[in-house]
Amino acid sequence: DAVTLGDTWLQRAIAEGLIQPIPDARQYRWWAALYPRWQQLVCRDGAGQPDPRGEVWAAPYRWGATLVAYRRDKLGRADGGGGAPIRDWSDLLQPQLKGRVAFMDSPRDVVGAALKTLGLGYNSSAADIRRCGLSEQDVRTRVQRLVRVFSSSDHLRALGAGDVDAVVGWSDDLLPLVLRTNNLEAAAPLSGTSLFADCWCIPA
């Protein structure tokens, strides 16, 4: 038997004994073909923490990234009207987008995007934030004041209906929408974004 699991749940699933290591995983061709970044992701110790010498707990089969999709008739218009096209996280802060952004319901990505607008890393710690003279609430508020919709089910609908001009979501949700909609463009923020992987695991 096998189950599918998002990589963000690996640590908890291992720690709670819900999955087991994949026997002899390093001997298979799929392991040799796996990009080193994904090998590192699924090698864990018994507590679920990353460990290059740990056992292989999962087999990534699909990956993606957090992207921004936006309406070209509102941002980056050829006539110079509207707002600037979105190239990086800080572009979400332009006045034209206040209350015109939708976010998937993912606290990690909301905070990560806010951190990037401050020049910090997506995975910065609370200590990193304090060193900048800010609190974690300051970081959340930075993005929340721009956002009209926080929802993993309605964020794309809000963009399609014209209720918002930009949406932050996962690539496997956004890219199909962008490909079938002439008026939309997708951007991978230049300063970096989060990656994710869906994995096959063996239940305990």
N, C-alpha and C. Protein backbone atom coordinates (compact mmCIF):
# COMPACT_ATOMS: atom_id res chain seq x y z
N ASP A 1 0.83 -1.19 0.00
CA ASP A 1 0.00 0.00 0.00
C ASP A 1 0.87 1.25 0.00
N ALA A 2 0.32 2.34 -0.52
CA ALA A 2 1.01 3.62 -0.52
C ALA A 2 -0.01 4.73 -0.29
N VAL A 3 0.46 5.82 0.32
CA VAL A 3 -0.38 7.00 0.52
C VAL A 3 0.37 8.20 -0.02
N THR A 4 -0.35 9.24 -0.38
CA THR A 4 0.29 10.46 -0.85
C THR A 4 0.27 11.50 0.26
N LEU A 5 1.35 12.27 0.34
CA LEU A 5 1.52 13.22 1.44
C LEU A 5 2.30 14.42 0.94
N GLY A 6 1.88 15.62 1.30
CA GLY A 6 2.65 16.81 1.00
C GLY A 6 3.89 16.87 1.86
N ASP A 7 4.98 17.41 1.33
CA ASP A 7 6.25 17.37 2.07
C ASP A 7 6.18 18.09 3.40
N THR A 8 5.32 19.09 3.54
CA THR A 8 5.25 19.82 4.81
C THR A 8 4.71 18.95 5.95
N TRP A 9 4.09 17.83 5.60
CA TRP A 9 3.54 16.93 6.62
C TRP A 9 4.49 15.79 6.96
N LEU A 10 5.62 15.68 6.28
CA LEU A 10 6.52 14.55 6.50
C LEU A 10 7.00 14.47 7.95
N GLN A 11 7.48 15.58 8.48
CA GLN A 11 8.05 15.55 9.83
C GLN A 11 7.03 15.03 10.84
N ARG A 12 5.82 15.55 10.76
CA ARG A 12 4.79 15.13 11.71
C ARG A 12 4.42 13.66 11.52
N ALA A 13 4.29 13.24 10.27
CA ALA A 13 3.91 11.85 9.99
C ALA A 13 4.96 10.88 10.51
N ILE A 14 6.23 11.23 10.36
CA ILE A 14 7.31 10.38 10.86
C ILE A 14 7.30 10.36 12.39
N ALA A 15 7.24 11.55 12.99
CA ALA A 15 7.29 11.65 14.45
C ALA A 15 6.14 10.91 15.11
N GLU A 16 4.98 10.90 14.46
CA GLU A 16 3.81 10.24 15.04
C GLU A 16 3.69 8.77 14.62
N GLY A 17 4.68 8.28 13.88
CA GLY A 17 4.68 6.88 13.51
C GLY A 17 3.62 6.49 12.50
N LEU A 18 3.22 7.44 11.65
CA LEU A 18 2.16 7.16 10.68
C LEU A 18 2.68 6.55 9.38
N ILE A 19 3.97 6.76 9.10
CA ILE A 19 4.57 6.19 7.89
C ILE A 19 5.86 5.47 8.28
N GLN A 20 6.37 4.67 7.37
CA GLN A 20 7.61 3.94 7.61
C GLN A 20 8.59 4.22 6.48
N PRO A 21 9.90 3.99 6.72
CA PRO A 21 10.88 4.22 5.66
C PRO A 21 10.63 3.30 4.47
N ILE A 22 11.10 3.74 3.30
CA ILE A 22 11.01 2.92 2.09
C ILE A 22 12.22 1.97 2.08
N PRO A 23 11.99 0.67 2.15
CA PRO A 23 13.12 -0.28 2.22
C PRO A 23 14.02 -0.18 0.98
N ASP A 24 15.33 -0.12 1.22
CA ASP A 24 16.34 -0.15 0.14
C ASP A 24 16.09 0.90 -0.94
N ALA A 25 15.55 2.05 -0.55
CA ALA A 25 15.19 3.08 -1.54
C ALA A 25 16.37 3.51 -2.39
N ARG A 26 17.56 3.61 -1.79
CA ARG A 26 18.72 4.11 -2.52
C ARG A 26 19.21 3.14 -3.60
N GLN A 27 18.68 1.95 -3.65
CA GLN A 27 19.09 0.98 -4.66
C GLN A 27 18.26 1.08 -5.94
N TYR A 28 17.20 1.85 -5.92
CA TYR A 28 16.30 1.92 -7.07
C TYR A 28 16.74 3.00 -8.06
N ARG A 29 16.37 2.79 -9.33
CA ARG A 29 16.71 3.76 -10.37
C ARG A 29 16.05 5.11 -10.13
N TRP A 30 14.83 5.11 -9.61
CA TRP A 30 14.14 6.38 -9.38
C TRP A 30 14.92 7.25 -8.41
N TRP A 31 15.61 6.62 -7.44
CA TRP A 31 16.39 7.40 -6.47
C TRP A 31 17.58 8.06 -7.16
N ALA A 32 18.27 7.34 -8.02
CA ALA A 32 19.42 7.89 -8.73
C ALA A 32 19.01 9.02 -9.65
N ALA A 33 17.79 8.96 -10.17
CA ALA A 33 17.31 10.00 -11.09
C ALA A 33 16.74 11.21 -10.37
N LEU A 34 16.59 11.11 -9.06
CA LEU A 34 15.97 12.18 -8.28
C LEU A 34 16.96 13.31 -8.04
N TYR A 35 16.53 14.53 -8.32
CA TYR A 35 17.38 15.71 -8.13
C TYR A 35 17.83 15.77 -6.66
N PRO A 36 19.10 16.13 -6.39
CA PRO A 36 19.61 16.13 -5.01
C PRO A 36 18.76 16.91 -4.02
N ARG A 37 18.17 18.01 -4.45
CA ARG A 37 17.31 18.80 -3.54
C ARG A 37 16.18 17.94 -2.99
N TRP A 38 15.59 17.11 -3.86
CA TRP A 38 14.47 16.28 -3.41
C TRP A 38 14.96 15.08 -2.60
N GLN A 39 16.16 14.60 -2.89
CA GLN A 39 16.74 13.56 -2.05
C GLN A 39 16.92 14.08 -0.62
N GLN A 40 17.44 15.30 -0.50
CA GLN A 40 17.64 15.89 0.82
C GLN A 40 16.31 16.05 1.56
N LEU A 41 15.27 16.36 0.82
CA LEU A 41 13.97 16.60 1.43
C LEU A 41 13.42 15.37 2.13
N VAL A 42 13.64 14.19 1.55
CA VAL A 42 12.98 12.99 2.07
C VAL A 42 13.89 12.11 2.93
N CYS A 43 15.15 12.49 3.11
CA CYS A 43 16.04 11.78 4.03
C CYS A 43 15.87 12.38 5.42
N ARG A 44 15.38 11.59 6.34
CA ARG A 44 15.04 12.11 7.67
C ARG A 44 15.52 11.15 8.76
N ASP A 45 15.67 11.72 9.97
CA ASP A 45 15.94 10.86 11.12
C ASP A 45 14.61 10.36 11.69
N GLY A 46 14.68 9.62 12.78
CA GLY A 46 13.48 9.03 13.35
C GLY A 46 12.49 10.02 13.92
N ALA A 47 12.95 11.27 14.15
CA ALA A 47 12.05 12.31 14.64
C ALA A 47 11.46 13.13 13.49
N GLY A 48 11.88 12.79 12.26
CA GLY A 48 11.34 13.50 11.10
C GLY A 48 12.15 14.70 10.67
N GLN A 49 13.30 14.93 11.31
CA GLN A 49 14.14 16.07 10.95
C GLN A 49 15.05 15.70 9.78
N PRO A 50 15.33 16.67 8.88
CA PRO A 50 16.22 16.39 7.75
C PRO A 50 17.57 15.85 8.22
N ASP A 51 18.03 14.81 7.58
CA ASP A 51 19.30 14.17 7.93
C ASP A 51 19.83 13.46 6.69
N PRO A 52 20.93 13.95 6.09
CA PRO A 52 21.43 13.33 4.85
C PRO A 52 21.82 11.86 5.03
N ARG A 53 22.08 11.45 6.28
CA ARG A 53 22.42 10.05 6.53
C ARG A 53 21.21 9.26 7.03
N GLY A 54 20.06 9.92 7.07
CA GLY A 54 18.86 9.26 7.56
C GLY A 54 18.25 8.33 6.52
N GLU A 55 17.15 7.73 6.91
CA GLU A 55 16.46 6.82 6.00
C GLU A 55 15.60 7.62 5.01
N VAL A 56 15.26 6.97 3.91
CA VAL A 56 14.41 7.59 2.89
C VAL A 56 12.96 7.28 3.26
N TRP A 57 12.20 8.34 3.52
CA TRP A 57 10.83 8.18 4.03
C TRP A 57 9.76 8.42 2.98
N ALA A 58 10.13 8.91 1.81
CA ALA A 58 9.11 9.24 0.81
C ALA A 58 9.73 9.30 -0.58
N ALA A 59 8.87 9.18 -1.59
CA ALA A 59 9.29 9.28 -2.99
C ALA A 59 8.54 10.42 -3.65
N PRO A 60 9.19 11.57 -3.86
CA PRO A 60 8.51 12.70 -4.52
C PRO A 60 8.10 12.33 -5.95
N TYR A 61 6.87 12.64 -6.30
CA TYR A 61 6.41 12.34 -7.66
C TYR A 61 5.95 13.60 -8.41
N ARG A 62 5.79 14.69 -7.70
CA ARG A 62 5.35 15.93 -8.34
C ARG A 62 5.84 17.09 -7.47
N TRP A 63 6.24 18.17 -8.13
CA TRP A 63 6.66 19.33 -7.37
C TRP A 63 6.08 20.59 -7.99
N GLY A 64 6.13 21.65 -7.23
CA GLY A 64 5.64 22.93 -7.73
C GLY A 64 6.18 24.07 -6.88
N ALA A 65 5.66 25.25 -7.13
CA ALA A 65 6.14 26.44 -6.43
C ALA A 65 4.97 27.38 -6.17
N THR A 66 5.17 28.28 -5.23
CA THR A 66 4.20 29.34 -4.99
C THR A 66 4.46 30.46 -6.00
N LEU A 67 3.43 30.81 -6.76
CA LEU A 67 3.53 31.82 -7.82
C LEU A 67 2.51 32.93 -7.61
N VAL A 68 2.65 33.98 -8.41
CA VAL A 68 1.67 35.06 -8.45
C VAL A 68 1.09 35.13 -9.85
N ALA A 69 -0.23 35.16 -9.96
CA ALA A 69 -0.89 35.40 -11.25
C ALA A 69 -1.58 36.75 -11.16
N TYR A 70 -1.56 37.51 -12.26
CA TYR A 70 -2.17 38.84 -12.22
C TYR A 70 -2.82 39.17 -13.56
N ARG A 71 -3.73 40.15 -13.51
CA ARG A 71 -4.45 40.59 -14.70
C ARG A 71 -3.61 41.60 -15.47
N ARG A 72 -3.35 41.29 -16.74
CA ARG A 72 -2.53 42.18 -17.56
C ARG A 72 -3.26 43.46 -17.92
N ASP A 73 -4.59 43.47 -17.87
CA ASP A 73 -5.31 44.70 -18.20
C ASP A 73 -5.30 45.68 -17.03
N LYS A 74 -4.83 45.24 -15.87
CA LYS A 74 -4.77 46.10 -14.69
C LYS A 74 -3.33 46.44 -14.30
N LEU A 75 -2.41 45.54 -14.57
CA LEU A 75 -1.01 45.72 -14.16
C LEU A 75 -0.10 45.52 -15.37
N GLY A 76 0.81 46.45 -15.58
CA GLY A 76 1.75 46.33 -16.68
C GLY A 76 1.14 46.57 -18.04
N ARG A 77 0.15 47.46 -18.12
CA ARG A 77 -0.50 47.75 -19.40
C ARG A 77 0.46 48.45 -20.36
N ALA A 78 0.31 48.17 -21.64
CA ALA A 78 1.19 48.76 -22.67
C ALA A 78 1.07 50.28 -22.70
N ASP A 79 -0.12 50.82 -22.35
CA ASP A 79 -0.30 52.27 -22.40
C ASP A 79 0.23 52.97 -21.15
N GLY A 80 0.81 52.18 -20.23
CA GLY A 80 1.38 52.77 -19.02
C GLY A 80 0.37 53.00 -17.92
N GLY A 81 -0.90 52.72 -18.17
CA GLY A 81 -1.92 52.89 -17.14
C GLY A 81 -1.91 51.74 -16.16
N GLY A 82 -2.63 51.92 -15.07
CA GLY A 82 -2.70 50.86 -14.06
C GLY A 82 -1.42 50.76 -13.26
N GLY A 83 -1.24 49.62 -12.62
CA GLY A 83 -0.05 49.42 -11.81
C GLY A 83 1.06 48.74 -12.58
N ALA A 84 2.18 48.55 -11.88
CA ALA A 84 3.35 47.90 -12.48
C ALA A 84 3.12 46.39 -12.55
N PRO A 85 3.71 45.72 -13.54
CA PRO A 85 3.61 44.26 -13.58
C PRO A 85 4.29 43.65 -12.36
N ILE A 86 3.87 42.48 -11.97
CA ILE A 86 4.43 41.84 -10.78
C ILE A 86 5.65 41.02 -11.19
N ARG A 87 6.78 41.38 -10.62
CA ARG A 87 8.01 40.64 -10.86
C ARG A 87 8.57 40.07 -9.56
N ASP A 88 8.21 40.69 -8.44
CA ASP A 88 8.71 40.22 -7.15
C ASP A 88 7.67 40.48 -6.07
N TRP A 89 7.92 39.94 -4.88
CA TRP A 89 6.94 40.06 -3.80
C TRP A 89 6.63 41.51 -3.46
N SER A 90 7.63 42.39 -3.51
CA SER A 90 7.41 43.79 -3.15
C SER A 90 6.41 44.47 -4.07
N ASP A 91 6.22 43.94 -5.28
CA ASP A 91 5.26 44.53 -6.22
C ASP A 91 3.82 44.37 -5.73
N LEU A 92 3.59 43.44 -4.80
CA LEU A 92 2.25 43.30 -4.23
C LEU A 92 1.89 44.48 -3.33
N LEU A 93 2.90 45.27 -2.94
CA LEU A 93 2.66 46.39 -2.02
C LEU A 93 2.26 47.67 -2.74
N GLN A 94 2.22 47.68 -4.08
CA GLN A 94 1.88 48.91 -4.79
C GLN A 94 0.45 49.34 -4.45
N PRO A 95 0.21 50.65 -4.35
CA PRO A 95 -1.10 51.16 -3.91
C PRO A 95 -2.28 50.63 -4.73
N GLN A 96 -2.06 50.39 -6.01
CA GLN A 96 -3.16 49.93 -6.87
C GLN A 96 -3.69 48.56 -6.45
N LEU A 97 -2.91 47.84 -5.66
CA LEU A 97 -3.32 46.48 -5.28
C LEU A 97 -3.91 46.40 -3.87
N LYS A 98 -4.01 47.51 -3.19
CA LYS A 98 -4.56 47.45 -1.83
C LYS A 98 -5.99 46.93 -1.88
N GLY A 99 -6.24 45.82 -1.19
CA GLY A 99 -7.55 45.20 -1.19
C GLY A 99 -7.90 44.49 -2.48
N ARG A 100 -6.89 44.27 -3.35
CA ARG A 100 -7.15 43.65 -4.66
C ARG A 100 -6.31 42.38 -4.86
N VAL A 101 -5.91 41.75 -3.76
CA VAL A 101 -5.09 40.55 -3.82
C VAL A 101 -5.82 39.40 -3.14
N ALA A 102 -5.73 38.22 -3.73
CA ALA A 102 -6.25 37.00 -3.10
C ALA A 102 -5.08 36.08 -2.78
N PHE A 103 -5.17 35.41 -1.65
CA PHE A 103 -4.13 34.48 -1.20
C PHE A 103 -4.76 33.13 -0.93
N MET A 104 -4.05 32.07 -1.29
CA MET A 104 -4.49 30.76 -0.83
C MET A 104 -4.40 30.73 0.69
N ASP A 105 -5.15 29.86 1.31
CA ASP A 105 -5.19 29.76 2.77
C ASP A 105 -4.00 28.92 3.24
N SER A 106 -2.84 29.55 3.28
CA SER A 106 -1.61 28.89 3.69
C SER A 106 -0.79 29.86 4.53
N PRO A 107 -0.91 29.80 5.87
CA PRO A 107 -0.19 30.75 6.72
C PRO A 107 1.30 30.82 6.42
N ARG A 108 1.92 29.67 6.11
CA ARG A 108 3.35 29.67 5.82
C ARG A 108 3.67 30.57 4.63
N ASP A 109 2.83 30.51 3.60
CA ASP A 109 3.10 31.31 2.41
C ASP A 109 2.74 32.78 2.60
N VAL A 110 1.73 33.06 3.42
CA VAL A 110 1.40 34.45 3.73
C VAL A 110 2.57 35.11 4.46
N VAL A 111 3.06 34.44 5.49
CA VAL A 111 4.19 34.97 6.25
C VAL A 111 5.45 35.01 5.38
N GLY A 112 5.66 33.96 4.58
CA GLY A 112 6.84 33.93 3.71
C GLY A 112 6.86 35.08 2.72
N ALA A 113 5.71 35.37 2.12
CA ALA A 113 5.62 36.49 1.18
C ALA A 113 5.91 37.81 1.88
N ALA A 114 5.36 37.98 3.08
CA ALA A 114 5.61 39.21 3.83
C ALA A 114 7.09 39.35 4.17
N LEU A 115 7.71 38.26 4.57
CA LEU A 115 9.14 38.29 4.88
C LEU A 115 9.96 38.70 3.66
N LYS A 116 9.59 38.20 2.49
CA LYS A 116 10.33 38.55 1.27
C LYS A 116 10.19 40.03 0.95
N THR A 117 9.03 40.63 1.24
CA THR A 117 8.89 42.07 0.98
C THR A 117 9.78 42.89 1.90
N LEU A 118 10.22 42.28 3.00
CA LEU A 118 11.12 42.95 3.95
C LEU A 118 12.59 42.65 3.67
N GLY A 119 12.84 41.86 2.61
CA GLY A 119 14.21 41.49 2.29
C GLY A 119 14.73 40.32 3.09
N LEU A 120 13.84 39.62 3.79
CA LEU A 120 14.23 38.46 4.58
C LEU A 120 13.97 37.18 3.80
N GLY A 121 14.50 36.08 4.29
CA GLY A 121 14.27 34.80 3.65
C GLY A 121 12.87 34.27 3.92
N TYR A 122 12.39 33.44 3.03
CA TYR A 122 11.03 32.87 3.13
C TYR A 122 10.86 32.09 4.42
N ASN A 123 11.93 31.47 4.90
CA ASN A 123 11.87 30.63 6.09
C ASN A 123 12.56 31.27 7.29
N SER A 124 12.59 32.60 7.34
CA SER A 124 13.25 33.29 8.44
C SER A 124 12.59 32.93 9.77
N SER A 125 13.42 32.88 10.80
CA SER A 125 12.93 32.53 12.14
C SER A 125 12.39 33.77 12.85
N ALA A 126 11.73 33.53 13.98
CA ALA A 126 11.24 34.64 14.81
C ALA A 126 12.40 35.52 15.26
N ALA A 127 13.56 34.90 15.53
CA ALA A 127 14.74 35.67 15.93
C ALA A 127 15.20 36.59 14.80
N ASP A 128 15.16 36.10 13.56
CA ASP A 128 15.54 36.93 12.40
C ASP A 128 14.62 38.15 12.31
N ILE A 129 13.34 37.92 12.55
CA ILE A 129 12.36 39.01 12.47
C ILE A 129 12.62 40.04 13.56
N ARG A 130 12.90 39.57 14.77
CA ARG A 130 13.16 40.50 15.89
C ARG A 130 14.42 41.33 15.63
N ARG A 131 15.41 40.73 14.99
CA ARG A 131 16.64 41.48 14.69
C ARG A 131 16.37 42.65 13.75
N CYS A 132 15.28 42.58 13.00
CA CYS A 132 14.89 43.69 12.12
C CYS A 132 14.01 44.71 12.85
N GLY A 133 13.82 44.50 14.16
CA GLY A 133 13.01 45.42 14.94
C GLY A 133 11.51 45.23 14.73
N LEU A 134 11.11 44.04 14.29
CA LEU A 134 9.70 43.78 14.00
C LEU A 134 9.20 42.61 14.83
N SER A 135 7.89 42.52 14.95
CA SER A 135 7.27 41.35 15.58
C SER A 135 6.67 40.48 14.48
N GLU A 136 6.32 39.26 14.82
CA GLU A 136 5.68 38.38 13.84
C GLU A 136 4.33 38.95 13.40
N GLN A 137 3.65 39.65 14.30
CA GLN A 137 2.37 40.27 13.94
C GLN A 137 2.59 41.39 12.92
N ASP A 138 3.69 42.14 13.07
CA ASP A 138 4.01 43.19 12.09
C ASP A 138 4.14 42.58 10.69
N VAL A 139 4.78 41.42 10.63
CA VAL A 139 4.99 40.75 9.34
C VAL A 139 3.66 40.34 8.73
N ARG A 140 2.80 39.70 9.54
CA ARG A 140 1.50 39.26 9.01
C ARG A 140 0.66 40.45 8.55
N THR A 141 0.67 41.52 9.33
CA THR A 141 -0.13 42.70 9.00
C THR A 141 0.31 43.32 7.69
N ARG A 142 1.60 43.21 7.38
CA ARG A 142 2.14 43.82 6.16
C ARG A 142 1.42 43.31 4.91
N VAL A 143 1.08 42.04 4.89
CA VAL A 143 0.39 41.48 3.74
C VAL A 143 -1.13 41.49 3.93
N GLN A 144 -1.58 41.25 5.14
CA GLN A 144 -3.02 41.13 5.38
C GLN A 144 -3.79 42.37 4.97
N ARG A 145 -3.19 43.55 5.11
CA ARG A 145 -3.91 44.78 4.76
C ARG A 145 -4.15 44.90 3.25
N LEU A 146 -3.41 44.12 2.46
CA LEU A 146 -3.58 44.16 1.01
C LEU A 146 -4.61 43.16 0.51
N VAL A 147 -4.88 42.15 1.34
CA VAL A 147 -5.60 40.97 0.85
C VAL A 147 -7.10 41.08 1.05
N ARG A 148 -7.81 40.76 -0.01
CA ARG A 148 -9.27 40.76 0.04
C ARG A 148 -9.82 39.37 0.34
N VAL A 149 -9.14 38.34 -0.16
CA VAL A 149 -9.62 36.96 -0.01
C VAL A 149 -8.48 36.08 0.48
N PHE A 150 -8.71 35.36 1.59
CA PHE A 150 -7.83 34.29 2.05
C PHE A 150 -8.61 32.99 1.91
N SER A 151 -8.34 32.22 0.87
CA SER A 151 -9.11 30.99 0.65
C SER A 151 -8.42 30.13 -0.39
N SER A 152 -8.33 28.84 -0.10
CA SER A 152 -7.76 27.92 -1.09
C SER A 152 -8.83 27.39 -2.04
N SER A 153 -10.08 27.78 -1.82
CA SER A 153 -11.15 27.35 -2.72
C SER A 153 -11.71 28.51 -3.53
N ASP A 154 -11.61 29.74 -3.02
CA ASP A 154 -12.22 30.89 -3.70
C ASP A 154 -11.21 31.86 -4.30
N HIS A 155 -9.91 31.66 -4.06
CA HIS A 155 -8.93 32.65 -4.53
C HIS A 155 -8.90 32.74 -6.06
N LEU A 156 -8.99 31.61 -6.75
CA LEU A 156 -8.99 31.64 -8.22
C LEU A 156 -10.30 32.20 -8.76
N ARG A 157 -11.39 31.87 -8.10
CA ARG A 157 -12.69 32.38 -8.51
C ARG A 157 -12.73 33.90 -8.40
N ALA A 158 -12.11 34.44 -7.35
CA ALA A 158 -12.08 35.89 -7.16
C ALA A 158 -11.32 36.58 -8.30
N LEU A 159 -10.24 35.95 -8.76
CA LEU A 159 -9.48 36.51 -9.88
C LEU A 159 -10.30 36.45 -11.17
N GLY A 160 -10.92 35.32 -11.41
CA GLY A 160 -11.73 35.16 -12.62
C GLY A 160 -12.92 36.09 -12.67
N ALA A 161 -13.49 36.40 -11.50
CA ALA A 161 -14.66 37.28 -11.43
C ALA A 161 -14.29 38.75 -11.46
N GLY A 162 -12.99 39.07 -11.40
CA GLY A 162 -12.57 40.46 -11.40
C GLY A 162 -12.65 41.12 -10.04
N ASP A 163 -12.84 40.33 -8.98
CA ASP A 163 -12.89 40.90 -7.63
C ASP A 163 -11.50 41.27 -7.13
N VAL A 164 -10.48 40.63 -7.68
CA VAL A 164 -9.09 40.95 -7.34
C VAL A 164 -8.29 41.03 -8.64
N ASP A 165 -7.11 41.64 -8.54
CA ASP A 165 -6.26 41.79 -9.73
C ASP A 165 -5.03 40.90 -9.68
N ALA A 166 -4.76 40.30 -8.53
CA ALA A 166 -3.61 39.40 -8.39
C ALA A 166 -3.97 38.31 -7.39
N VAL A 167 -3.37 37.15 -7.60
CA VAL A 167 -3.62 36.03 -6.69
C VAL A 167 -2.30 35.29 -6.45
N VAL A 168 -2.09 34.90 -5.20
CA VAL A 168 -0.94 34.09 -4.83
C VAL A 168 -1.43 32.67 -4.59
N GLY A 169 -0.82 31.70 -5.28
CA GLY A 169 -1.26 30.32 -5.13
C GLY A 169 -0.21 29.34 -5.60
N TRP A 170 -0.56 28.07 -5.55
CA TRP A 170 0.36 27.02 -5.97
C TRP A 170 0.34 26.89 -7.48
N SER A 171 1.49 26.56 -8.02
CA SER A 171 1.65 26.52 -9.48
C SER A 171 0.69 25.54 -10.15
N ASP A 172 0.40 24.41 -9.51
CA ASP A 172 -0.49 23.45 -10.17
C ASP A 172 -1.93 23.92 -10.21
N ASP A 173 -2.27 24.94 -9.41
CA ASP A 173 -3.59 25.58 -9.51
C ASP A 173 -3.57 26.75 -10.49
N LEU A 174 -2.50 27.57 -10.41
CA LEU A 174 -2.46 28.82 -11.19
C LEU A 174 -2.14 28.61 -12.67
N LEU A 175 -1.18 27.76 -12.97
CA LEU A 175 -0.73 27.66 -14.37
C LEU A 175 -1.83 27.20 -15.33
N PRO A 176 -2.66 26.21 -14.98
CA PRO A 176 -3.74 25.86 -15.91
C PRO A 176 -4.69 27.03 -16.17
N LEU A 177 -4.97 27.82 -15.12
CA LEU A 177 -5.85 28.97 -15.28
C LEU A 177 -5.22 30.01 -16.20
N VAL A 178 -3.93 30.29 -16.01
CA VAL A 178 -3.23 31.27 -16.84
C VAL A 178 -3.18 30.82 -18.30
N LEU A 179 -2.96 29.54 -18.53
CA LEU A 179 -2.86 29.02 -19.90
C LEU A 179 -4.17 29.11 -20.67
N ARG A 180 -5.29 29.08 -19.97
CA ARG A 180 -6.57 29.14 -20.69
C ARG A 180 -7.23 30.51 -20.61
N THR A 181 -6.53 31.50 -20.04
CA THR A 181 -7.09 32.84 -19.89
C THR A 181 -6.13 33.86 -20.50
N ASN A 182 -6.54 34.51 -21.59
CA ASN A 182 -5.65 35.43 -22.31
C ASN A 182 -5.18 36.61 -21.47
N ASN A 183 -5.98 37.01 -20.52
CA ASN A 183 -5.75 38.24 -19.79
C ASN A 183 -4.83 38.08 -18.59
N LEU A 184 -4.35 36.86 -18.33
CA LEU A 184 -3.57 36.61 -17.12
C LEU A 184 -2.11 36.30 -17.44
N GLU A 185 -1.26 36.62 -16.49
CA GLU A 185 0.16 36.28 -16.59
C GLU A 185 0.61 35.73 -15.24
N ALA A 186 1.53 34.79 -15.26
CA ALA A 186 2.07 34.22 -14.02
C ALA A 186 3.50 34.68 -13.83
N ALA A 187 3.88 34.85 -12.58
CA ALA A 187 5.24 35.27 -12.26
C ALA A 187 5.78 34.45 -11.10
N ALA A 188 7.03 34.01 -11.24
CA ALA A 188 7.77 33.41 -10.12
C ALA A 188 8.62 34.54 -9.54
N PRO A 189 8.34 34.99 -8.33
CA PRO A 189 9.05 36.14 -7.78
C PRO A 189 10.58 35.99 -7.87
N LEU A 190 11.22 37.06 -8.35
CA LEU A 190 12.64 37.01 -8.65
C LEU A 190 13.51 36.76 -7.43
N SER A 191 13.09 37.22 -6.26
CA SER A 191 13.91 37.05 -5.06
C SER A 191 13.76 35.67 -4.44
N GLY A 192 12.89 34.85 -5.01
CA GLY A 192 12.72 33.49 -4.51
C GLY A 192 11.32 33.23 -4.00
N THR A 193 10.98 31.96 -3.95
CA THR A 193 9.65 31.56 -3.49
C THR A 193 9.77 30.20 -2.83
N SER A 194 8.65 29.64 -2.41
CA SER A 194 8.70 28.32 -1.78
C SER A 194 8.42 27.23 -2.81
N LEU A 195 9.08 26.11 -2.61
CA LEU A 195 8.84 24.92 -3.42
C LEU A 195 8.10 23.90 -2.57
N PHE A 196 7.36 23.03 -3.22
CA PHE A 196 6.69 21.95 -2.49
C PHE A 196 6.77 20.68 -3.32
N ALA A 197 6.60 19.56 -2.66
CA ALA A 197 6.58 18.27 -3.34
C ALA A 197 5.47 17.41 -2.77
N ASP A 198 4.79 16.70 -3.65
CA ASP A 198 3.85 15.67 -3.24
C ASP A 198 4.60 14.34 -3.32
N CYS A 199 4.42 13.52 -2.31
CA CYS A 199 5.25 12.32 -2.17
C CYS A 199 4.40 11.06 -1.96
N TRP A 200 4.95 9.94 -2.41
CA TRP A 200 4.39 8.64 -2.06
C TRP A 200 5.08 8.16 -0.80
N CYS A 201 4.29 7.65 0.13
CA CYS A 201 4.82 7.13 1.39
C CYS A 201 4.19 5.77 1.68
N ILE A 202 4.85 5.01 2.55
CA ILE A 202 4.33 3.71 2.96
C ILE A 202 3.71 3.86 4.35
N PRO A 203 2.42 3.59 4.51
CA PRO A 203 1.82 3.73 5.83
C PRO A 203 2.41 2.72 6.81
N ALA A 204 2.45 3.10 8.07
CA ALA A 204 3.01 2.22 9.11
C ALA A 204 2.06 1.05 9.39
